[in-house]
């Protein structure tokens, strides 16, 4: 899905909503996918941050800098 958005002309993203699968490594993989296309200082919103493994996705953003 992320790659499809890039193909239609999206540049660097300032606002990113992460709303994907909530189990296992999926939230971290979602973050990794969008970080390649984010602006230097993006605003990331996480849907269901208190659910399952989603907080690990937030941790992945901190590890990415």
C-alpha atoms as a PDB file:
ATOM      1  CA  UNK A   1       0.000   0.000   0.000  1.00  0.00           C
ATOM      2  CA  UNK A   2       2.774   2.450   0.881  1.00  0.00           C
ATOM      3  CA  UNK A   3       4.577   1.826  -2.388  1.00  0.00           C
ATOM      4  CA  UNK A   4       1.338   2.442  -4.308  1.00  0.00           C
ATOM      5  CA  UNK A   5       1.045   5.901  -2.740  1.00  0.00           C
ATOM      6  CA  UNK A   6       4.607   6.710  -3.685  1.00  0.00           C
ATOM      7  CA  UNK A   7       3.984   5.689  -7.304  1.00  0.00           C
ATOM      8  CA  UNK A   8       1.100   8.163  -7.650  1.00  0.00           C
ATOM      9  CA  UNK A   9       3.355  11.067  -6.848  1.00  0.00           C
ATOM     10  CA  UNK A  10       3.495  11.458  -3.092  1.00  0.00           C
ATOM     11  CA  UNK A  11       6.620  13.238  -1.945  1.00  0.00           C
ATOM     12  CA  UNK A  12       7.905  13.315   1.634  1.00  0.00           C
ATOM     13  CA  UNK A  13       5.076  12.990   4.137  1.00  0.00           C
ATOM     14  CA  UNK A  14       4.572  15.418   6.990  1.00  0.00           C
ATOM     15  CA  UNK A  15       1.563  13.621   8.493  1.00  0.00           C
ATOM     16  CA  UNK A  16       1.436   9.829   8.800  1.00  0.00           C
ATOM     17  CA  UNK A  17      -1.399   7.757  10.267  1.00  0.00           C
ATOM     18  CA  UNK A  18      -0.270   4.264  11.221  1.00  0.00           C
ATOM     19  CA  UNK A  19      -3.327   1.996  11.308  1.00  0.00           C
ATOM     20  CA  UNK A  20      -2.412  -1.539  10.352  1.00  0.00           C
ATOM     21  CA  UNK A  21      -2.298  -4.963  11.904  1.00  0.00           C
ATOM     22  CA  UNK A  22      -2.027  -4.988  15.680  1.00  0.00           C
ATOM     23  CA  UNK A  23      -0.157  -8.244  16.296  1.00  0.00           C
ATOM     24  CA  UNK A  24       3.430  -9.407  16.338  1.00  0.00           C
ATOM     25  CA  UNK A  25       5.956  -7.393  14.374  1.00  0.00           C
ATOM     26  CA  UNK A  26       3.305  -5.798  12.137  1.00  0.00           C
ATOM     27  CA  UNK A  27       3.264  -2.364  13.841  1.00  0.00           C
ATOM     28  CA  UNK A  28       7.069  -2.126  13.593  1.00  0.00           C
ATOM     29  CA  UNK A  29       6.981  -3.197   9.958  1.00  0.00           C
ATOM     30  CA  UNK A  30       4.335  -0.544   9.251  1.00  0.00           C
ATOM     31  CA  UNK A  31       6.561   2.120  10.787  1.00  0.00           C
ATOM     32  CA  UNK A  32       9.594   0.927   8.827  1.00  0.00           C
ATOM     33  CA  UNK A  33       7.591   1.102   5.600  1.00  0.00           C
ATOM     34  CA  UNK A  34       6.505   4.712   6.075  1.00  0.00           C
ATOM     35  CA  UNK A  35       9.728   6.067   7.572  1.00  0.00           C
ATOM     36  CA  UNK A  36      11.432   5.771   4.185  1.00  0.00           C
ATOM     37  CA  UNK A  37       9.027   8.370   2.813  1.00  0.00           C
ATOM     38  CA  UNK A  38       8.601  10.668   5.808  1.00  0.00           C
ATOM     39  CA  UNK A  39       9.750  14.264   6.022  1.00  0.00           C
ATOM     40  CA  UNK A  40      12.545  15.145   8.427  1.00  0.00           C
ATOM     41  CA  UNK A  41      10.089  16.015  11.203  1.00  0.00           C
ATOM     42  CA  UNK A  42       6.825  14.169  10.523  1.00  0.00           C
ATOM     43  CA  UNK A  43       3.819  13.935  12.808  1.00  0.00           C
ATOM     44  CA  UNK A  44       2.935  10.285  13.342  1.00  0.00           C
ATOM     45  CA  UNK A  45      -0.477   9.258  14.631  1.00  0.00           C
ATOM     46  CA  UNK A  46      -1.031   5.726  15.862  1.00  0.00           C
ATOM     47  CA  UNK A  47      -4.487   4.152  15.850  1.00  0.00           C
ATOM     48  CA  UNK A  48      -5.096   1.847  18.844  1.00  0.00           C
ATOM     49  CA  UNK A  49      -1.830   2.743  20.538  1.00  0.00           C
ATOM     50  CA  UNK A  50      -2.943   0.932  23.701  1.00  0.00           C
ATOM     51  CA  UNK A  51      -3.744  -2.261  21.804  1.00  0.00           C
ATOM     52  CA  UNK A  52      -1.529  -5.314  21.518  1.00  0.00           C
ATOM     53  CA  UNK A  53       1.856  -4.691  19.956  1.00  0.00           C
ATOM     54  CA  UNK A  54       1.125  -1.205  18.620  1.00  0.00           C
ATOM     55  CA  UNK A  55       3.293   0.503  21.282  1.00  0.00           C
ATOM     56  CA  UNK A  56       6.272  -1.365  19.773  1.00  0.00           C
ATOM     57  CA  UNK A  57       5.603   0.577  16.557  1.00  0.00           C
ATOM     58  CA  UNK A  58       5.960   3.795  18.514  1.00  0.00           C
ATOM     59  CA  UNK A  59       9.203   2.451  19.949  1.00  0.00           C
ATOM     60  CA  UNK A  60      10.423   1.792  16.422  1.00  0.00           C
ATOM     61  CA  UNK A  61      10.023   5.494  15.601  1.00  0.00           C
ATOM     62  CA  UNK A  62      12.140   6.416  18.594  1.00  0.00           C
ATOM     63  CA  UNK A  63      14.822   3.959  17.529  1.00  0.00           C
ATOM     64  CA  UNK A  64      14.758   5.409  13.992  1.00  0.00           C
ATOM     65  CA  UNK A  65      15.512   8.860  15.349  1.00  0.00           C
END
